[in-house]
């Protein structure tokens, strides 16, 4: 039997997990492909001045800001 070392990474709260799920669904609806969605969520966005996924997970306000940016991108596409 092989044992793995326990991760020291913090477990997300229920609210953080809810916001993460919501932003992933919103980004998927916008991009419809995994690669651009992942790139958008994980790379620093100059308009937000931060990584969109981290901002969205941090608070409901952050989630709203990222969702508004996705809506703006959809309108301008």
Protein backbone atom coordinates (compact mmCIF):
# COMPACT_ATOMS: atom_id res chain seq x y z
CA UNK A 1 0.00 0.00 0.00
CA UNK A 2 1.33 3.43 -0.96
CA UNK A 3 0.68 6.42 1.26
CA UNK A 4 0.73 9.96 0.00
CA UNK A 5 1.82 12.95 1.97
CA UNK A 6 -1.04 15.17 3.09
CA UNK A 7 -1.38 18.45 1.26
CA UNK A 8 -0.82 21.58 3.29
CA UNK A 9 -2.99 23.60 0.91
CA UNK A 10 -5.95 25.24 2.62
CA UNK A 11 -9.35 23.74 1.89
CA UNK A 12 -11.68 26.28 0.25
CA UNK A 13 -14.71 27.38 2.24
CA UNK A 14 -18.19 26.60 1.00
CA UNK A 15 -18.56 30.21 -0.25
CA UNK A 16 -15.22 30.13 -2.07
CA UNK A 17 -16.18 26.86 -3.75
CA UNK A 18 -19.54 28.35 -4.77
CA UNK A 19 -17.88 31.41 -6.32
CA UNK A 20 -15.27 29.25 -8.07
CA UNK A 21 -17.99 27.11 -9.60
CA UNK A 22 -19.95 30.19 -10.68
CA UNK A 23 -17.01 31.86 -12.43
CA UNK A 24 -16.00 28.65 -14.19
CA UNK A 25 -19.54 28.26 -15.52
CA UNK A 26 -19.61 31.91 -16.66
CA UNK A 27 -16.22 31.62 -18.35
CA UNK A 28 -17.25 28.36 -20.04
CA UNK A 29 -20.41 30.04 -21.37
CA UNK A 30 -18.27 32.80 -22.84
CA UNK A 31 -15.33 30.85 -24.30
CA UNK A 32 -16.85 27.39 -25.00
CA UNK A 33 -13.32 25.95 -25.15
CA UNK A 34 -11.08 24.84 -22.31
CA UNK A 35 -7.76 26.41 -23.36
CA UNK A 36 -8.91 30.05 -23.71
CA UNK A 37 -11.10 29.73 -20.61
CA UNK A 38 -8.21 28.43 -18.51
CA UNK A 39 -5.88 31.11 -19.89
CA UNK A 40 -8.38 33.86 -19.07
CA UNK A 41 -9.01 32.64 -15.52
CA UNK A 42 -5.38 31.93 -14.60
CA UNK A 43 -3.49 34.85 -16.18
CA UNK A 44 -3.34 38.40 -14.87
CA UNK A 45 -5.93 40.60 -16.54
CA UNK A 46 -4.88 44.21 -17.04
CA UNK A 47 -8.44 45.55 -16.77
CA UNK A 48 -8.85 43.86 -13.38
CA UNK A 49 -5.17 44.20 -12.39
CA UNK A 50 -5.29 40.69 -10.96
CA UNK A 51 -5.87 37.04 -11.87
CA UNK A 52 -9.64 36.72 -12.59
CA UNK A 53 -10.04 33.36 -10.84
CA UNK A 54 -8.43 34.59 -7.63
CA UNK A 55 -10.52 37.75 -7.64
CA UNK A 56 -13.75 35.84 -8.23
CA UNK A 57 -13.03 33.35 -5.45
CA UNK A 58 -12.07 36.09 -2.97
CA UNK A 59 -15.49 37.76 -2.63
CA UNK A 60 -18.94 38.20 -4.16
CA UNK A 61 -17.85 41.67 -5.32
CA UNK A 62 -14.84 40.13 -7.08
CA UNK A 63 -17.08 37.52 -8.69
CA UNK A 64 -19.36 40.27 -10.00
CA UNK A 65 -16.41 42.23 -11.41
CA UNK A 66 -15.13 39.22 -13.35
CA UNK A 67 -18.62 38.33 -14.60
CA UNK A 68 -19.09 41.96 -15.80
CA UNK A 69 -15.80 41.75 -17.67
CA UNK A 70 -16.96 38.53 -19.37
CA UNK A 71 -20.23 40.24 -20.34
CA UNK A 72 -18.30 43.18 -21.78
CA UNK A 73 -16.07 40.81 -23.74
CA UNK A 74 -19.17 39.04 -25.11
CA UNK A 75 -20.76 42.34 -26.20
CA UNK A 76 -17.54 43.48 -27.89
CA UNK A 77 -16.92 40.19 -29.69
